[in-house]
């Protein structure tokens, strides 16, 4: 179950730099919060909110999502739970293009998930 949820949330393996696709890196916490504050992050079956106080809440395919996050040296670092499963801690590169926010796991070296910012 854990691997299935992660695979659904994570999207596709990336082999080329996201910046080549028109994404711009989000470099600090204030810039990140200015984008996500009071907005949902969505993709098919997933709706998340990232709170200024360091909490992550939402739902993924009918299951409750909870977690905590902080900004560390240019990366979004989160510890996430989906239903009763812990996805574990991971620091992610964050990029933006229009209303699409891309999170790339393992400090930009892993797989990415594109989520839409919705008011």
Protein backbone atom coordinates (compact mmCIF):
# COMPACT_ATOMS: atom_id res chain seq x y z
CA UNK A 1 0.00 0.00 0.00
CA UNK A 2 2.74 2.44 0.96
CA UNK A 3 4.56 2.01 -2.35
CA UNK A 4 1.33 2.40 -4.33
CA UNK A 5 0.43 5.66 -2.58
CA UNK A 6 3.97 6.98 -3.02
CA UNK A 7 3.98 6.05 -6.70
CA UNK A 8 0.67 7.79 -7.26
CA UNK A 9 1.85 10.89 -5.42
CA UNK A 10 5.27 10.99 -7.00
CA UNK A 11 4.61 10.91 -10.80
CA UNK A 12 7.47 10.23 -13.22
CA UNK A 13 11.22 9.67 -13.02
CA UNK A 14 12.99 12.80 -14.21
CA UNK A 15 16.18 12.61 -16.25
CA UNK A 16 16.59 16.21 -17.40
CA UNK A 17 16.74 19.36 -15.29
CA UNK A 18 13.30 20.79 -14.59
CA UNK A 19 14.59 24.32 -15.19
CA UNK A 20 14.94 23.39 -18.87
CA UNK A 21 11.14 23.00 -18.90
CA UNK A 22 10.51 26.59 -17.81
CA UNK A 23 10.28 25.97 -14.07
CA UNK A 24 11.86 28.46 -11.67
CA UNK A 25 13.34 27.31 -8.38
CA UNK A 26 11.73 28.49 -5.15
CA UNK A 27 14.72 29.41 -3.07
CA UNK A 28 13.41 30.38 0.36
CA UNK A 29 10.65 29.79 2.86
CA UNK A 30 9.06 33.22 2.41
CA UNK A 31 8.83 32.76 -1.35
CA UNK A 32 7.34 29.30 -0.87
CA UNK A 33 4.75 30.53 1.63
CA UNK A 34 3.76 33.42 -0.63
CA UNK A 35 2.81 30.80 -3.23
CA UNK A 36 1.00 28.21 -1.07
CA UNK A 37 -0.56 30.25 1.72
CA UNK A 38 -4.37 29.82 1.81
CA UNK A 39 -4.27 27.65 -1.33
CA UNK A 40 -4.66 23.96 -2.07
CA UNK A 41 -2.09 21.82 -3.85
CA UNK A 42 -4.03 19.41 -6.09
CA UNK A 43 -3.68 16.64 -8.61
CA UNK A 44 -5.99 13.77 -9.45
CA UNK A 45 -7.18 12.24 -6.17
CA UNK A 46 -4.97 14.45 -4.00
CA UNK A 47 -5.66 17.71 -2.14
CA UNK A 48 -3.10 19.12 0.30
CA UNK A 49 -2.63 22.26 2.34
CA UNK A 50 0.76 23.42 3.61
CA UNK A 51 0.41 25.61 6.69
CA UNK A 52 2.74 28.40 7.76
CA UNK A 53 3.09 26.84 11.23
CA UNK A 54 4.73 23.73 9.72
CA UNK A 55 1.78 21.37 9.27
CA UNK A 56 0.64 19.49 6.17
CA UNK A 57 -2.99 18.36 5.96
CA UNK A 58 -5.27 16.97 3.30
CA UNK A 59 -6.53 13.84 1.59
CA UNK A 60 -5.13 11.39 -0.95
CA UNK A 61 -7.50 8.92 -2.59
CA UNK A 62 -9.87 8.97 0.37
CA UNK A 63 -7.18 8.71 3.02
CA UNK A 64 -6.21 11.37 5.52
CA UNK A 65 -2.83 13.03 4.93
CA UNK A 66 -0.92 14.63 7.79
CA UNK A 67 2.63 15.73 8.26
CA UNK A 68 5.13 18.36 9.21
CA UNK A 69 7.53 20.44 7.17
CA UNK A 70 10.31 22.98 7.43
CA UNK A 71 12.54 24.84 4.99
CA UNK A 72 16.18 23.76 5.21
CA UNK A 73 19.02 25.21 3.12
CA UNK A 74 16.87 25.81 0.04
CA UNK A 75 14.75 22.65 0.28
CA UNK A 76 11.23 21.75 1.44
CA UNK A 77 11.77 19.03 4.05
CA UNK A 78 8.72 17.04 5.04
CA UNK A 79 7.67 14.03 7.06
CA UNK A 80 4.38 12.68 5.71
CA UNK A 81 1.70 10.16 6.71
CA UNK A 82 -1.02 8.86 4.39
CA UNK A 83 -3.69 6.95 6.25
CA UNK A 84 -1.72 4.91 8.75
CA UNK A 85 1.38 4.66 6.56
CA UNK A 86 4.47 6.77 7.14
CA UNK A 87 6.11 7.93 3.91
CA UNK A 88 9.10 9.12 5.89
CA UNK A 89 11.19 12.25 5.80
CA UNK A 90 12.44 13.71 2.53
CA UNK A 91 13.92 17.04 1.47
CA UNK A 92 12.65 18.20 -1.89
CA UNK A 93 13.55 20.76 -4.51
CA UNK A 94 10.58 23.06 -5.18
CA UNK A 95 9.97 24.78 -8.51
CA UNK A 96 7.12 26.79 -9.98
CA UNK A 97 5.76 27.41 -13.47
CA UNK A 98 2.48 29.31 -13.66
CA UNK A 99 0.14 27.58 -11.20
CA UNK A 100 2.09 24.30 -11.27
CA UNK A 101 4.38 23.55 -8.36
CA UNK A 102 6.92 20.76 -8.82
CA UNK A 103 8.37 18.85 -5.86
CA UNK A 104 11.43 16.73 -6.71
CA UNK A 105 12.43 14.23 -4.03
CA UNK A 106 15.92 13.56 -2.69
CA UNK A 107 17.04 17.20 -2.92
CA UNK A 108 16.22 17.36 -6.62
CA UNK A 109 17.80 14.04 -7.55
CA UNK A 110 14.72 11.79 -7.36
CA UNK A 111 11.24 11.59 -8.84
CA UNK A 112 8.94 14.56 -9.09
CA UNK A 113 5.28 15.36 -8.54
CA UNK A 114 3.52 18.29 -10.19
CA UNK A 115 0.63 19.77 -8.21
CA UNK A 116 -1.68 22.64 -9.19
CA UNK A 117 -2.07 25.62 -6.90
CA UNK A 118 -5.80 26.31 -6.46
CA UNK A 119 -7.46 29.18 -4.58
